[in-house]
Amino acid sequence: MTIKEQLLQAIEALPSTRLAEALTFMKSLSTKPSITSAKSFLAHLKTIGTWSGDDFQECLEAVQNSRGETEFDYSPNPFE
């Protein structure tokens, strides 16, 4: 069974109350930017160059000092 056939089968099995949500999701896929592969990201990094200047350590310390604690909300998704 092809992916398209599987999608059609899943749509047929979907409750009518969820069809609008499925359609919205499907439409969002065509406007969503694709995920950049690690290979293309590394290739892009090669075009950027190297650090120039004598303030690397100062900048690194500024980044480290400005970090905050990360918080994760494990409560259920309110939109489901």
PDB file of N, CA and C in Angstrom:
ATOM      1  N   MET A   1       0.845  -1.178   0.000  1.00  0.00           N
ATOM      2  CA  MET A   1       0.000   0.000   0.000  1.00  0.00           C
ATOM      3  C   MET A   1       0.893   1.246   0.000  1.00  0.00           C
ATOM      4  N   THR A   2       0.583   2.180  -0.878  1.00  0.00           N
ATOM      5  CA  THR A   2       1.390   3.405  -0.973  1.00  0.00           C
ATOM      6  C   THR A   2       1.073   4.337   0.191  1.00  0.00           C
ATOM      7  N   ILE A   3       1.924   5.312   0.379  1.00  0.00           N
ATOM      8  CA  ILE A   3       1.699   6.294   1.443  1.00  0.00           C
ATOM      9  C   ILE A   3       0.407   7.067   1.188  1.00  0.00           C
ATOM     10  N   LYS A   4       0.168   7.411  -0.064  1.00  0.00           N
ATOM     11  CA  LYS A   4      -1.058   8.140  -0.404  1.00  0.00           C
ATOM     12  C   LYS A   4      -2.292   7.307  -0.056  1.00  0.00           C
ATOM     13  N   GLU A   5      -2.242   6.020  -0.348  1.00  0.00           N
ATOM     14  CA  GLU A   5      -3.357   5.137  -0.006  1.00  0.00           C
ATOM     15  C   GLU A   5      -3.546   5.035   1.497  1.00  0.00           C
ATOM     16  N   GLN A   6      -2.419   5.005   2.227  1.00  0.00           N
ATOM     17  CA  GLN A   6      -2.492   4.961   3.686  1.00  0.00           C
ATOM     18  C   GLN A   6      -3.109   6.242   4.247  1.00  0.00           C
ATOM     19  N   LEU A   7      -2.723   7.384   3.663  1.00  0.00           N
ATOM     20  CA  LEU A   7      -3.299   8.656   4.090  1.00  0.00           C
ATOM     21  C   LEU A   7      -4.802   8.690   3.840  1.00  0.00           C
ATOM     22  N   LEU A   8      -5.209   8.261   2.660  1.00  0.00           N
ATOM     23  CA  LEU A   8      -6.637   8.241   2.335  1.00  0.00           C
ATOM     24  C   LEU A   8      -7.399   7.324   3.282  1.00  0.00           C
ATOM     25  N   GLN A   9      -6.799   6.186   3.611  1.00  0.00           N
ATOM     26  CA  GLN A   9      -7.426   5.257   4.539  1.00  0.00           C
ATOM     27  C   GLN A   9      -7.544   5.884   5.933  1.00  0.00           C
ATOM     28  N   ALA A  10      -6.510   6.584   6.360  1.00  0.00           N
ATOM     29  CA  ALA A  10      -6.543   7.246   7.672  1.00  0.00           C
ATOM     30  C   ALA A  10      -7.591   8.349   7.694  1.00  0.00           C
ATOM     31  N   ILE A  11      -7.731   9.084   6.597  1.00  0.00           N
ATOM     32  CA  ILE A  11      -8.745  10.137   6.516  1.00  0.00           C
ATOM     33  C   ILE A  11     -10.137   9.530   6.608  1.00  0.00           C
ATOM     34  N   GLU A  12     -10.344   8.425   5.930  1.00  0.00           N
ATOM     35  CA  GLU A  12     -11.644   7.749   5.968  1.00  0.00           C
ATOM     36  C   GLU A  12     -11.993   7.286   7.375  1.00  0.00           C
ATOM     37  N   ALA A  13     -10.987   6.876   8.142  1.00  0.00           N
ATOM     38  CA  ALA A  13     -11.217   6.375   9.489  1.00  0.00           C
ATOM     39  C   ALA A  13     -11.312   7.489  10.533  1.00  0.00           C
ATOM     40  N   LEU A  14     -10.935   8.706  10.158  1.00  0.00           N
ATOM     41  CA  LEU A  14     -10.913   9.827  11.095  1.00  0.00           C
ATOM     42  C   LEU A  14     -12.330  10.288  11.414  1.00  0.00           C
ATOM     43  N   PRO A  15     -12.636  10.532  12.692  1.00  0.00           N
ATOM     44  CA  PRO A  15     -13.960  11.062  13.031  1.00  0.00           C
ATOM     45  C   PRO A  15     -14.180  12.415  12.349  1.00  0.00           C
ATOM     46  N   SER A  16     -15.400  12.686  11.936  1.00  0.00           N
ATOM     47  CA  SER A  16     -15.693  13.929  11.215  1.00  0.00           C
ATOM     48  C   SER A  16     -15.368  15.168  12.045  1.00  0.00           C
ATOM     49  N   THR A  17     -15.364  15.028  13.358  1.00  0.00           N
ATOM     50  CA  THR A  17     -15.041  16.165  14.224  1.00  0.00           C
ATOM     51  C   THR A  17     -13.563  16.547  14.146  1.00  0.00           C
ATOM     52  N   ARG A  18     -12.720  15.663  13.615  1.00  0.00           N
ATOM     53  CA  ARG A  18     -11.285  15.941  13.535  1.00  0.00           C
ATOM     54  C   ARG A  18     -10.824  16.268  12.120  1.00  0.00           C
ATOM     55  N   LEU A  19     -11.731  16.225  11.144  1.00  0.00           N
ATOM     56  CA  LEU A  19     -11.343  16.461   9.751  1.00  0.00           C
ATOM     57  C   LEU A  19     -10.812  17.874   9.515  1.00  0.00           C
ATOM     58  N   ALA A  20     -11.442  18.870  10.114  1.00  0.00           N
ATOM     59  CA  ALA A  20     -10.974  20.249   9.936  1.00  0.00           C
ATOM     60  C   ALA A  20      -9.560  20.415  10.481  1.00  0.00           C
ATOM     61  N   GLU A  21      -9.290  19.793  11.611  1.00  0.00           N
ATOM     62  CA  GLU A  21      -7.959  19.854  12.214  1.00  0.00           C
ATOM     63  C   GLU A  21      -6.933  19.177  11.299  1.00  0.00           C
ATOM     64  N   ALA A  22      -7.314  18.045  10.731  1.00  0.00           N
ATOM     65  CA  ALA A  22      -6.420  17.333   9.818  1.00  0.00           C
ATOM     66  C   ALA A  22      -6.139  18.167   8.570  1.00  0.00           C
ATOM     67  N   LEU A  23      -7.161  18.818   8.046  1.00  0.00           N
ATOM     68  CA  LEU A  23      -6.983  19.653   6.862  1.00  0.00           C
ATOM     69  C   LEU A  23      -6.059  20.830   7.159  1.00  0.00           C
ATOM     70  N   THR A  24      -6.231  21.458   8.293  1.00  0.00           N
ATOM     71  CA  THR A  24      -5.364  22.572   8.690  1.00  0.00           C
ATOM     72  C   THR A  24      -3.919  22.109   8.777  1.00  0.00           C
ATOM     73  N   PHE A  25      -3.723  20.934   9.362  1.00  0.00           N
ATOM     74  CA  PHE A  25      -2.367  20.387   9.478  1.00  0.00           C
ATOM     75  C   PHE A  25      -1.772  20.117   8.098  1.00  0.00           C
ATOM     76  N   MET A  26      -2.556  19.492   7.233  1.00  0.00           N
ATOM     77  CA  MET A  26      -2.069  19.175   5.893  1.00  0.00           C
ATOM     78  C   MET A  26      -1.685  20.441   5.135  1.00  0.00           C
ATOM     79  N   LYS A  27      -2.484  21.503   5.264  1.00  0.00           N
ATOM     80  CA  LYS A  27      -2.171  22.762   4.587  1.00  0.00           C
ATOM     81  C   LYS A  27      -0.900  23.384   5.161  1.00  0.00           C
ATOM     82  N   SER A  28      -0.687  23.220   6.465  1.00  0.00           N
ATOM     83  CA  SER A  28       0.501  23.813   7.089  1.00  0.00           C
ATOM     84  C   SER A  28       1.778  23.146   6.599  1.00  0.00           C
ATOM     85  N   LEU A  29       1.684  21.898   6.185  1.00  0.00           N
ATOM     86  CA  LEU A  29       2.883  21.199   5.697  1.00  0.00           C
ATOM     87  C   LEU A  29       3.451  21.836   4.439  1.00  0.00           C
ATOM     88  N   SER A  30       2.603  22.410   3.610  1.00  0.00           N
ATOM     89  CA  SER A  30       3.103  23.010   2.374  1.00  0.00           C
ATOM     90  C   SER A  30       3.769  24.360   2.611  1.00  0.00           C
ATOM     91  N   THR A  31       3.507  24.994   3.741  1.00  0.00           N
ATOM     92  CA  THR A  31       4.122  26.288   4.034  1.00  0.00           C
ATOM     93  C   THR A  31       5.243  26.175   5.062  1.00  0.00           C
ATOM     94  N   LYS A  32       5.361  25.018   5.686  1.00  0.00           N
ATOM     95  CA  LYS A  32       6.380  24.808   6.714  1.00  0.00           C
ATOM     96  C   LYS A  32       7.747  24.656   6.056  1.00  0.00           C
ATOM     97  N   PRO A  33       8.759  25.391   6.546  1.00  0.00           N
ATOM     98  CA  PRO A  33      10.089  25.238   5.954  1.00  0.00           C
ATOM     99  C   PRO A  33      10.630  23.840   6.243  1.00  0.00           C
ATOM    100  N   SER A  34      11.379  23.305   5.310  1.00  0.00           N
ATOM    101  CA  SER A  34      11.933  21.968   5.505  1.00  0.00           C
ATOM    102  C   SER A  34      13.070  22.022   6.515  1.00  0.00           C
ATOM    103  N   ILE A  35      13.300  20.899   7.165  1.00  0.00           N
ATOM    104  CA  ILE A  35      14.358  20.810   8.165  1.00  0.00           C
ATOM    105  C   ILE A  35      15.697  20.740   7.447  1.00  0.00           C
ATOM    106  N   THR A  36      16.616  21.578   7.862  1.00  0.00           N
ATOM    107  CA  THR A  36      17.945  21.604   7.271  1.00  0.00           C
ATOM    108  C   THR A  36      18.722  20.383   7.742  1.00  0.00           C
ATOM    109  N   SER A  37      19.330  19.704   6.835  1.00  0.00           N
ATOM    110  CA  SER A  37      20.123  18.531   7.209  1.00  0.00           C
ATOM    111  C   SER A  37      21.422  18.980   7.870  1.00  0.00           C
ATOM    112  N   ALA A  38      21.970  18.093   8.660  1.00  0.00           N
ATOM    113  CA  ALA A  38      23.232  18.397   9.334  1.00  0.00           C
ATOM    114  C   ALA A  38      24.340  18.638   8.311  1.00  0.00           C
ATOM    115  N   LYS A  39      24.310  17.881   7.220  1.00  0.00           N
ATOM    116  CA  LYS A  39      25.345  18.026   6.193  1.00  0.00           C
ATOM    117  C   LYS A  39      25.308  19.423   5.569  1.00  0.00           C
ATOM    118  N   SER A  40      24.098  19.911   5.237  1.00  0.00           N
ATOM    119  CA  SER A  40      24.016  21.238   4.630  1.00  0.00           C
ATOM    120  C   SER A  40      24.342  22.328   5.644  1.00  0.00           C
ATOM    121  N   PHE A  41      24.006  22.084   6.906  1.00  0.00           N
ATOM    122  CA  PHE A  41      24.332  23.050   7.957  1.00  0.00           C
ATOM    123  C   PHE A  41      25.850  23.165   8.116  1.00  0.00           C
ATOM    124  N   LEU A  42      26.532  22.034   8.135  1.00  0.00           N
ATOM    125  CA  LEU A  42      27.989  22.057   8.254  1.00  0.00           C
ATOM    126  C   LEU A  42      28.641  22.713   7.039  1.00  0.00           C
ATOM    127  N   ALA A  43      28.065  22.480   5.868  1.00  0.00           N
ATOM    128  CA  ALA A  43      28.590  23.119   4.660  1.00  0.00           C
ATOM    129  C   ALA A  43      28.433  24.636   4.766  1.00  0.00           C
ATOM    130  N   HIS A  44      27.309  25.086   5.332  1.00  0.00           N
ATOM    131  CA  HIS A  44      27.090  26.527   5.508  1.00  0.00           C
ATOM    132  C   HIS A  44      28.089  27.108   6.500  1.00  0.00           C
ATOM    133  N   LEU A  45      28.389  26.379   7.552  1.00  0.00           N
ATOM    134  CA  LEU A  45      29.344  26.874   8.546  1.00  0.00           C
ATOM    135  C   LEU A  45      30.710  27.151   7.929  1.00  0.00           C
ATOM    136  N   LYS A  46      31.074  26.359   6.933  1.00  0.00           N
ATOM    137  CA  LYS A  46      32.371  26.558   6.275  1.00  0.00           C
ATOM    138  C   LYS A  46      32.433  27.887   5.529  1.00  0.00           C
ATOM    139  N   THR A  47      31.285  28.436   5.151  1.00  0.00           N
ATOM    140  CA  THR A  47      31.276  29.696   4.412  1.00  0.00           C
ATOM    141  C   THR A  47      31.339  30.910   5.335  1.00  0.00           C
ATOM    142  N   ILE A  48      31.125  30.698   6.612  1.00  0.00           N
ATOM    143  CA  ILE A  48      31.055  31.819   7.552  1.00  0.00           C
ATOM    144  C   ILE A  48      32.437  32.375   7.879  1.00  0.00           C
ATOM    145  N   GLY A  49      33.413  31.490   8.019  1.00  0.00           N
ATOM    146  CA  GLY A  49      34.763  31.953   8.337  1.00  0.00           C
ATOM    147  C   GLY A  49      35.109  31.678   9.782  1.00  0.00           C
ATOM    148  N   THR A  50      36.078  32.388  10.273  1.00  0.00           N
ATOM    149  CA  THR A  50      36.564  32.163  11.634  1.00  0.00           C
ATOM    150  C   THR A  50      36.378  33.427  12.459  1.00  0.00           C
ATOM    151  N   TRP A  51      36.563  33.284  13.749  1.00  0.00           N
ATOM    152  CA  TRP A  51      36.441  34.414  14.674  1.00  0.00           C
ATOM    153  C   TRP A  51      37.606  35.365  14.442  1.00  0.00           C
ATOM    154  N   SER A  52      37.290  36.639  14.399  1.00  0.00           N
ATOM    155  CA  SER A  52      38.369  37.613  14.308  1.00  0.00           C
ATOM    156  C   SER A  52      38.172  38.622  15.420  1.00  0.00           C
ATOM    157  N   GLY A  53      39.227  38.949  16.060  1.00  0.00           N
ATOM    158  CA  GLY A  53      39.157  39.889  17.172  1.00  0.00           C
ATOM    159  C   GLY A  53      39.782  39.282  18.408  1.00  0.00           C
ATOM    160  N   ASP A  54      39.894  40.106  19.438  1.00  0.00           N
ATOM    161  CA  ASP A  54      40.528  39.632  20.663  1.00  0.00           C
ATOM    162  C   ASP A  54      39.544  39.540  21.823  1.00  0.00           C
ATOM    163  N   ASP A  55      38.234  39.543  21.530  1.00  0.00           N
ATOM    164  CA  ASP A  55      37.244  39.524  22.598  1.00  0.00           C
ATOM    165  C   ASP A  55      36.463  38.214  22.682  1.00  0.00           C
ATOM    166  N   PHE A  56      37.029  37.131  22.126  1.00  0.00           N
ATOM    167  CA  PHE A  56      36.321  35.854  22.116  1.00  0.00           C
ATOM    168  C   PHE A  56      35.988  35.395  23.535  1.00  0.00           C
ATOM    169  N   GLN A  57      36.968  35.417  24.426  1.00  0.00           N
ATOM    170  CA  GLN A  57      36.754  34.956  25.797  1.00  0.00           C
ATOM    171  C   GLN A  57      35.704  35.812  26.500  1.00  0.00           C
ATOM    172  N   GLU A  58      35.738  37.108  26.288  1.00  0.00           N
ATOM    173  CA  GLU A  58      34.762  38.022  26.880  1.00  0.00           C
ATOM    174  C   GLU A  58      33.348  37.711  26.368  1.00  0.00           C
ATOM    175  N   CYS A  59      33.229  37.474  25.088  1.00  0.00           N
ATOM    176  CA  CYS A  59      31.919  37.134  24.504  1.00  0.00           C
ATOM    177  C   CYS A  59      31.420  35.793  25.016  1.00  0.00           C
ATOM    178  N   LEU A  60      32.300  34.823  25.114  1.00  0.00           N
ATOM    179  CA  LEU A  60      31.935  33.511  25.627  1.00  0.00           C
ATOM    180  C   LEU A  60      31.447  33.606  27.064  1.00  0.00           C
ATOM    181  N   GLU A  61      32.125  34.390  27.882  1.00  0.00           N
ATOM    182  CA  GLU A  61      31.706  34.580  29.276  1.00  0.00           C
ATOM    183  C   GLU A  61      30.352  35.291  29.348  1.00  0.00           C
ATOM    184  N   ALA A  62      30.110  36.250  28.468  1.00  0.00           N
ATOM    185  CA  ALA A  62      28.825  36.952  28.448  1.00  0.00           C
ATOM    186  C   ALA A  62      27.682  35.985  28.131  1.00  0.00           C
ATOM    187  N   VAL A  63      27.914  35.093  27.197  1.00  0.00           N
ATOM    188  CA  VAL A  63      26.894  34.088  26.852  1.00  0.00           C
ATOM    189  C   VAL A  63      26.658  33.168  28.052  1.00  0.00           C
ATOM    190  N   GLN A  64      27.714  32.688  28.662  1.00  0.00           N
ATOM    191  CA  GLN A  64      27.573  31.774  29.790  1.00  0.00           C
ATOM    192  C   GLN A  64      26.895  32.454  30.977  1.00  0.00           C
ATOM    193  N   ASN A  65      27.185  33.719  31.221  1.00  0.00           N
ATOM    194  CA  ASN A  65      26.592  34.436  32.352  1.00  0.00           C
ATOM    195  C   ASN A  65      25.138  34.830  32.123  1.00  0.00           C
ATOM    196  N   SER A  66      24.716  34.871  30.873  1.00  0.00           N
ATOM    197  CA  SER A  66      23.345  35.293  30.586  1.00  0.00           C
ATOM    198  C   SER A  66      22.378  34.115  30.463  1.00  0.00           C
ATOM    199  N   ARG A  67      22.885  32.924  30.607  1.00  0.00           N
ATOM    200  CA  ARG A  67      22.015  31.751  30.522  1.00  0.00           C
ATOM    201  C   ARG A  67      21.104  31.676  31.739  1.00  0.00           C
ATOM    202  N   GLY A  68      19.889  31.223  31.499  1.00  0.00           N
ATOM    203  CA  GLY A  68      18.951  31.031  32.595  1.00  0.00           C
ATOM    204  C   GLY A  68      18.637  29.558  32.763  1.00  0.00           C
ATOM    205  N   GLU A  69      17.939  29.258  33.844  1.00  0.00           N
ATOM    206  CA  GLU A  69      17.527  27.884  34.089  1.00  0.00           C
ATOM    207  C   GLU A  69      16.424  27.516  33.110  1.00  0.00           C
ATOM    208  N   THR A  70      16.461  26.316  32.636  1.00  0.00           N
ATOM    209  CA  THR A  70      15.442  25.822  31.722  1.00  0.00           C
ATOM    210  C   THR A  70      14.321  25.199  32.522  1.00  0.00           C
ATOM    211  N   GLU A  71      13.089  25.486  32.109  1.00  0.00           N
ATOM    212  CA  GLU A  71      11.926  24.898  32.759  1.00  0.00           C
ATOM    213  C   GLU A  71      11.109  24.161  31.713  1.00  0.00           C
ATOM    214  N   PHE A  72      10.639  22.980  32.078  1.00  0.00           N
ATOM    215  CA  PHE A  72       9.803  22.188  31.198  1.00  0.00           C
ATOM    216  C   PHE A  72       8.439  22.013  31.837  1.00  0.00           C
ATOM    217  N   ASP A  73       7.408  22.209  31.044  1.00  0.00           N
ATOM    218  CA  ASP A  73       6.039  22.028  31.516  1.00  0.00           C
ATOM    219  C   ASP A  73       5.562  20.664  31.036  1.00  0.00           C
ATOM    220  N   TYR A  74       5.413  19.747  31.967  1.00  0.00           N
ATOM    221  CA  TYR A  74       5.010  18.394  31.597  1.00  0.00           C
ATOM    222  C   TYR A  74       3.501  18.182  31.716  1.00  0.00           C
ATOM    223  N   SER A  75       2.747  19.258  31.891  1.00  0.00           N
ATOM    224  CA  SER A  75       1.289  19.116  31.976  1.00  0.00           C
ATOM    225  C   SER A  75       0.739  18.734  30.618  1.00  0.00           C
ATOM    226  N   PRO A  76      -0.430  18.144  30.597  1.00  0.00           N
ATOM    227  CA  PRO A  76      -1.028  17.757  29.295  1.00  0.00           C
ATOM    228  C   PRO A  76      -1.237  18.954  28.374  1.00  0.00           C
ATOM    229  N   ASN A  77      -1.206  18.680  27.093  1.00  0.00           N
ATOM    230  CA  ASN A  77      -1.404  19.713  26.075  1.00  0.00           C
ATOM    231  C   ASN A  77      -2.822  20.255  26.181  1.00  0.00           C
ATOM    232  N   PRO A  78      -3.004  21.558  26.442  1.00  0.00           N
ATOM    233  CA  PRO A  78      -4.357  22.105  26.591  1.00  0.00           C
ATOM    234  C   PRO A  78      -5.122  22.203  25.282  1.00  0.00           C
ATOM    235  N   PHE A  79      -4.438  21.998  24.149  1.00  0.00           N
ATOM    236  CA  PHE A  79      -5.101  22.117  22.856  1.00  0.00           C
ATOM    237  C   PHE A  79      -5.624  20.785  22.326  1.00  0.00           C
ATOM    238  N   GLU A  80      -5.367  19.727  23.061  1.00  0.00           N
ATOM    239  CA  GLU A  80      -5.857  18.416  22.617  1.00  0.00           C
ATOM    240  C   GLU A  80      -7.259  18.170  23.110  1.00  0.00           C
TER     241      GLU A  80
END
